[in-house]
PDB file of all heavy atoms in Angstrom:
ATOM      1  N   ASP A   1     117.177 128.753  97.554  1.00  0.00           N
ATOM      2  CA  ASP A   1     117.576 129.104  98.911  1.00  0.00           C
ATOM      3  C   ASP A   1     117.387 127.904  99.827  1.00  0.00           C
ATOM      4  O   ASP A   1     117.004 126.817  99.384  1.00  0.00           O
ATOM      5  CB  ASP A   1     116.795 130.325  99.421  1.00  0.00           C
ATOM      6  CG  ASP A   1     115.283 130.117  99.424  1.00  0.00           C
ATOM      7  OD1 ASP A   1     114.828 128.949  99.522  1.00  0.00           O
ATOM      8  OD2 ASP A   1     114.544 131.115  99.356  1.00  0.00           O
ATOM      9  N   ASP A   2     117.647 128.100 101.113  1.00  0.00           N
ATOM     10  CA  ASP A   2     117.583 126.987 102.051  1.00  0.00           C
ATOM     11  C   ASP A   2     116.174 126.413 102.161  1.00  0.00           C
ATOM     12  O   ASP A   2     116.007 125.207 102.383  1.00  0.00           O
ATOM     13  CB  ASP A   2     118.079 127.432 103.424  1.00  0.00           C
ATOM     14  CG  ASP A   2     119.578 127.671 103.462  1.00  0.00           C
ATOM     15  OD1 ASP A   2     120.274 127.166 102.550  1.00  0.00           O
ATOM     16  OD2 ASP A   2     120.055 128.360 104.381  1.00  0.00           O
ATOM     17  N   THR A   3     115.162 127.256 102.018  1.00  0.00           N
ATOM     18  CA  THR A   3     113.777 126.759 102.046  1.00  0.00           C
ATOM     19  C   THR A   3     113.517 125.841 100.864  1.00  0.00           C
ATOM     20  O   THR A   3     112.901 124.775 101.017  1.00  0.00           O
ATOM     21  CB  THR A   3     112.788 127.936 102.031  1.00  0.00           C
ATOM     22  OG1 THR A   3     112.995 128.747 103.190  1.00  0.00           O
ATOM     23  CG2 THR A   3     111.347 127.431 102.025  1.00  0.00           C
ATOM     24  N   ASP A   4     113.989 126.242  99.681  1.00  0.00           N
ATOM     25  CA  ASP A   4     113.844 125.393  98.492  1.00  0.00           C
ATOM     26  C   ASP A   4     114.526 124.049  98.711  1.00  0.00           C
ATOM     27  O   ASP A   4     113.979 122.988  98.362  1.00  0.00           O
ATOM     28  CB  ASP A   4     114.462 126.072  97.260  1.00  0.00           C
ATOM     29  CG  ASP A   4     113.778 127.363  96.886  1.00  0.00           C
ATOM     30  OD1 ASP A   4     112.540 127.435  97.003  1.00  0.00           O
ATOM     31  OD2 ASP A   4     114.487 128.294  96.479  1.00  0.00           O
ATOM     32  N   ARG A   5     115.726 124.081  99.290  1.00  0.00           N
ATOM     33  CA  ARG A   5     116.469 122.846  99.501  1.00  0.00           C
ATOM     34  C   ARG A   5     115.778 121.941 100.520  1.00  0.00           C
ATOM     35  O   ARG A   5     115.765 120.717 100.366  1.00  0.00           O
ATOM     36  CB  ARG A   5     117.909 123.176  99.915  1.00  0.00           C
ATOM     37  CG  ARG A   5     118.763 123.630  98.730  1.00  0.00           C
ATOM     38  CD  ARG A   5     120.202 123.856  99.117  1.00  0.00           C
ATOM     39  NE  ARG A   5     120.423 125.199  99.612  1.00  0.00           N
ATOM     40  CZ  ARG A   5     120.664 126.261  98.842  1.00  0.00           C
ATOM     41  NH1 ARG A   5     120.680 126.136  97.521  1.00  0.00           N
ATOM     42  NH2 ARG A   5     120.884 127.449  99.368  1.00  0.00           N
ATOM     43  N   GLU A   6     115.187 122.530 101.535  1.00  0.00           N
ATOM     44  CA  GLU A   6     114.471 121.729 102.524  1.00  0.00           C
ATOM     45  C   GLU A   6     113.230 121.093 101.893  1.00  0.00           C
ATOM     46  O   GLU A   6     112.912 119.924 102.166  1.00  0.00           O
ATOM     47  CB  GLU A   6     114.059 122.594 103.718  1.00  0.00           C
ATOM     48  CG  GLU A   6     113.187 121.872 104.740  1.00  0.00           C
ATOM     49  CD  GLU A   6     113.784 120.570 105.260  1.00  0.00           C
ATOM     50  OE1 GLU A   6     115.022 120.476 105.375  1.00  0.00           O
ATOM     51  OE2 GLU A   6     113.009 119.639 105.549  1.00  0.00           O
ATOM     52  N   GLU A   7     112.537 121.820 101.039  1.00  0.00           N
ATOM     53  CA  GLU A   7     111.361 121.260 100.355  1.00  0.00           C
ATOM     54  C   GLU A   7     111.756 120.095  99.454  1.00  0.00           C
ATOM     55  O   GLU A   7     111.055 119.081  99.382  1.00  0.00           O
ATOM     56  CB  GLU A   7     110.657 122.349  99.546  1.00  0.00           C
ATOM     57  CG  GLU A   7     109.953 123.394 100.397  1.00  0.00           C
ATOM     58  CD  GLU A   7     109.370 124.521  99.572  1.00  0.00           C
ATOM     59  OE1 GLU A   7     109.721 124.619  98.362  1.00  0.00           O
ATOM     60  OE2 GLU A   7     108.592 125.320 100.112  1.00  0.00           O
ATOM     61  N   LEU A   8     112.877 120.233  98.785  1.00  0.00           N
ATOM     62  CA  LEU A   8     113.357 119.136  97.947  1.00  0.00           C
ATOM     63  C   LEU A   8     113.762 117.937  98.796  1.00  0.00           C
ATOM     64  O   LEU A   8     113.403 116.792  98.497  1.00  0.00           O
ATOM     65  CB  LEU A   8     114.542 119.604  97.095  1.00  0.00           C
ATOM     66  CG  LEU A   8     114.192 120.447  95.866  1.00  0.00           C
ATOM     67  CD1 LEU A   8     115.406 121.210  95.364  1.00  0.00           C
ATOM     68  CD2 LEU A   8     113.613 119.571  94.756  1.00  0.00           C
ATOM     69  N   SER A   9     114.487 118.181  99.868  1.00  0.00           N
ATOM     70  CA  SER A   9     114.902 117.082 100.746  1.00  0.00           C
ATOM     71  C   SER A   9     113.703 116.346 101.320  1.00  0.00           C
ATOM     72  O   SER A   9     113.720 115.113 101.462  1.00  0.00           O
ATOM     73  CB  SER A   9     115.772 117.616 101.893  1.00  0.00           C
ATOM     74  OG  SER A   9     117.015 118.060 101.431  1.00  0.00           O
ATOM     75  N   ALA A  10     112.655 117.094 101.649  1.00  0.00           N
ATOM     76  CA  ALA A  10     111.468 116.482 102.249  1.00  0.00           C
ATOM     77  C   ALA A  10     110.778 115.509 101.301  1.00  0.00           C
ATOM     78  O   ALA A  10     110.038 114.624 101.742  1.00  0.00           O
ATOM     79  CB  ALA A  10     110.490 117.576 102.690  1.00  0.00           C
ATOM     80  N   LEU A  11     111.051 115.646 100.003  1.00  0.00           N
ATOM     81  CA  LEU A  11     110.472 114.705  99.041  1.00  0.00           C
ATOM     82  C   LEU A  11     110.943 113.273  99.282  1.00  0.00           C
ATOM     83  O   LEU A  11     110.280 112.324  98.851  1.00  0.00           O
ATOM     84  CB  LEU A  11     110.838 115.125  97.612  1.00  0.00           C
ATOM     85  CG  LEU A  11     110.075 116.311  97.015  1.00  0.00           C
ATOM     86  CD1 LEU A  11     110.740 116.762  95.721  1.00  0.00           C
ATOM     87  CD2 LEU A  11     108.616 115.948  96.750  1.00  0.00           C
ATOM     88  N   LEU A  12     112.057 113.112  99.957  1.00  0.00           N
ATOM     89  CA  LEU A  12     112.566 111.766 100.242  1.00  0.00           C
ATOM     90  C   LEU A  12     111.590 110.962 101.097  1.00  0.00           C
ATOM     91  O   LEU A  12     111.684 109.736 101.163  1.00  0.00           O
ATOM     92  CB  LEU A  12     113.925 111.847 100.940  1.00  0.00           C
ATOM     93  CG  LEU A  12     115.102 112.291 100.054  1.00  0.00           C
ATOM     94  CD1 LEU A  12     116.297 112.661 100.908  1.00  0.00           C
ATOM     95  CD2 LEU A  12     115.469 111.198  99.052  1.00  0.00           C
ATOM     96  N   GLN A  13     110.646 111.642 101.741  1.00  0.00           N
ATOM     97  CA  GLN A  13     109.636 110.951 102.546  1.00  0.00           C
ATOM     98  C   GLN A  13     108.534 110.346 101.680  1.00  0.00           C
ATOM     99  O   GLN A  13     107.771 109.498 102.153  1.00  0.00           O
ATOM    100  CB  GLN A  13     108.997 111.931 103.538  1.00  0.00           C
ATOM    101  CG  GLN A  13     109.974 112.612 104.476  1.00  0.00           C
ATOM    102  CD  GLN A  13     110.407 111.725 105.626  1.00  0.00           C
ATOM    103  OE1 GLN A  13     109.908 110.618 105.796  1.00  0.00           O
ATOM    104  NE2 GLN A  13     111.344 112.210 106.425  1.00  0.00           N
ATOM    105  N   GLU A  14     108.464 110.749 100.427  1.00  0.00           N
ATOM    106  CA  GLU A  14     107.400 110.285  99.532  1.00  0.00           C
ATOM    107  C   GLU A  14     107.638 108.832  99.133  1.00  0.00           C
ATOM    108  O   GLU A  14     108.775 108.422  98.851  1.00  0.00           O
ATOM    109  CB  GLU A  14     107.348 111.154  98.268  1.00  0.00           C
ATOM    110  CG  GLU A  14     107.023 112.612  98.523  1.00  0.00           C
ATOM    111  CD  GLU A  14     105.537 112.829  98.764  1.00  0.00           C
ATOM    112  OE1 GLU A  14     104.725 111.971  98.360  1.00  0.00           O
ATOM    113  OE2 GLU A  14     105.195 113.868  99.373  1.00  0.00           O
ATOM    114  N   ASP A  15     106.536 108.062  99.057  1.00  0.00           N
ATOM    115  CA  ASP A  15     106.657 106.643  98.707  1.00  0.00           C
ATOM    116  C   ASP A  15     107.229 106.441  97.308  1.00  0.00           C
ATOM    117  O   ASP A  15     107.948 105.463  97.075  1.00  0.00           O
ATOM    118  CB  ASP A  15     105.279 105.971  98.790  1.00  0.00           C
ATOM    119  CG  ASP A  15     104.790 105.818 100.223  1.00  0.00           C
ATOM    120  OD1 ASP A  15     105.625 105.912 101.142  1.00  0.00           O
ATOM    121  OD2 ASP A  15     103.580 105.630 100.421  1.00  0.00           O
ATOM    122  N   ARG A  16     106.910 107.324  96.382  1.00  0.00           N
ATOM    123  CA  ARG A  16     107.351 107.142  94.997  1.00  0.00           C
ATOM    124  C   ARG A  16     108.704 107.783  94.713  1.00  0.00           C
ATOM    125  O   ARG A  16     109.178 107.763  93.585  1.00  0.00           O
ATOM    126  CB  ARG A  16     106.285 107.669  94.029  1.00  0.00           C
ATOM    127  CG  ARG A  16     105.019 106.812  94.029  1.00  0.00           C
ATOM    128  CD  ARG A  16     103.909 107.469  93.215  1.00  0.00           C
ATOM    129  NE  ARG A  16     104.339 107.710  91.855  1.00  0.00           N
ATOM    130  CZ  ARG A  16     103.867 108.701  91.087  1.00  0.00           C
ATOM    131  NH1 ARG A  16     102.987 109.568  91.579  1.00  0.00           N
ATOM    132  NH2 ARG A  16     104.283 108.839  89.853  1.00  0.00           N
ATOM    133  N   ILE A  17     109.326 108.347  95.731  1.00  0.00           N
ATOM    134  CA  ILE A  17     110.686 108.873  95.608  1.00  0.00           C
ATOM    135  C   ILE A  17     111.627 107.850  96.207  1.00  0.00           C
ATOM    136  O   ILE A  17     111.559 107.543  97.403  1.00  0.00           O
ATOM    137  CB  ILE A  17     110.835 110.224  96.307  1.00  0.00           C
ATOM    138  CG1 ILE A  17     109.944 111.282  95.648  1.00  0.00           C
ATOM    139  CG2 ILE A  17     112.289 110.670  96.307  1.00  0.00           C
ATOM    140  CD1 ILE A  17     110.327 111.648  94.228  1.00  0.00           C
ATOM    141  N   VAL A  18     112.515 107.291  95.375  1.00  0.00           N
ATOM    142  CA  VAL A  18     113.355 106.171  95.822  1.00  0.00           C
ATOM    143  C   VAL A  18     114.731 106.599  96.302  1.00  0.00           C
ATOM    144  O   VAL A  18     115.477 105.787  96.855  1.00  0.00           O
ATOM    145  CB  VAL A  18     113.501 105.126  94.693  1.00  0.00           C
ATOM    146  CG1 VAL A  18     112.148 104.528  94.346  1.00  0.00           C
ATOM    147  CG2 VAL A  18     114.171 105.731  93.457  1.00  0.00           C
ATOM    148  N   GLY A  19     115.087 107.857  96.092  1.00  0.00           N
ATOM    149  CA  GLY A  19     116.404 108.307  96.517  1.00  0.00           C
ATOM    150  C   GLY A  19     116.753 109.639  95.894  1.00  0.00           C
ATOM    151  O   GLY A  19     115.874 110.394  95.472  1.00  0.00           O
ATOM    152  N   THR A  20     118.048 109.934  95.827  1.00  0.00           N
ATOM    153  CA  THR A  20     118.495 111.170  95.187  1.00  0.00           C
ATOM    154  C   THR A  20     118.888 110.889  93.745  1.00  0.00           C
ATOM    155  O   THR A  20     119.294 109.779  93.391  1.00  0.00           O
ATOM    156  CB  THR A  20     119.713 111.783  95.899  1.00  0.00           C
ATOM    157  OG1 THR A  20     120.873 110.998  95.619  1.00  0.00           O
ATOM    158  CG2 THR A  20     119.485 111.843  97.395  1.00  0.00           C
ATOM    159  N   GLY A  21     118.780 111.924  92.940  1.00  0.00           N
ATOM    160  CA  GLY A  21     119.215 111.813  91.555  1.00  0.00           C
ATOM    161  C   GLY A  21     120.727 111.849  91.449  1.00  0.00           C
ATOM    162  O   GLY A  21     121.459 111.979  92.447  1.00  0.00           O
ATOM    163  N   GLU A  22     121.204 111.766  90.219  1.00  0.00           N
ATOM    164  CA  GLU A  22     122.634 111.637  89.960  1.00  0.00           C
ATOM    165  C   GLU A  22     123.412 112.859  90.438  1.00  0.00           C
ATOM    166  O   GLU A  22     123.114 113.986  90.073  1.00  0.00           O
ATOM    167  CB  GLU A  22     122.873 111.383  88.474  1.00  0.00           C
ATOM    168  CG  GLU A  22     122.269 112.429  87.564  1.00  0.00           C
ATOM    169  CD  GLU A  22     122.306 112.029  86.104  1.00  0.00           C
ATOM    170  OE1 GLU A  22     122.286 110.832  85.810  1.00  0.00           O
ATOM    171  OE2 GLU A  22     122.337 112.943  85.254  1.00  0.00           O
ATOM    172  N   ILE A  23     124.411 112.600  91.282  1.00  0.00           N
ATOM    173  CA  ILE A  23     125.275 113.659  91.798  1.00  0.00           C
ATOM    174  C   ILE A  23     126.648 113.488  91.148  1.00  0.00           C
ATOM    175  O   ILE A  23     127.320 112.477  91.358  1.00  0.00           O
ATOM    176  CB  ILE A  23     125.417 113.582  93.323  1.00  0.00           C
ATOM    177  CG1 ILE A  23     124.037 113.648  93.998  1.00  0.00           C
ATOM    178  CG2 ILE A  23     126.307 114.716  93.829  1.00  0.00           C
ATOM    179  CD1 ILE A  23     124.089 113.491  95.507  1.00  0.00           C
ATOM    180  N   PRO A  24     127.100 114.447  90.349  1.00  0.00           N
ATOM    181  CA  PRO A  24     128.421 114.327  89.731  1.00  0.00           C
ATOM    182  C   PRO A  24     129.518 114.222  90.780  1.00  0.00           C
ATOM    183  O   PRO A  24     129.527 114.954  91.774  1.00  0.00           O
ATOM    184  CB  PRO A  24     128.547 115.620  88.915  1.00  0.00           C
ATOM    185  CG  PRO A  24     127.134 116.052  88.658  1.00  0.00           C
ATOM    186  CD  PRO A  24     126.388 115.651  89.891  1.00  0.00           C
TER     187      PRO A  24
END
C-alpha cells in the first residue's frame, strides 16, 4: 500500500542506499 511505498522511498535517505533498483 501507499505506506509501504513511502517506507521504501524513505530508504533513499540511508547512506548505504545508492539509488533505486532495476526498473524494467
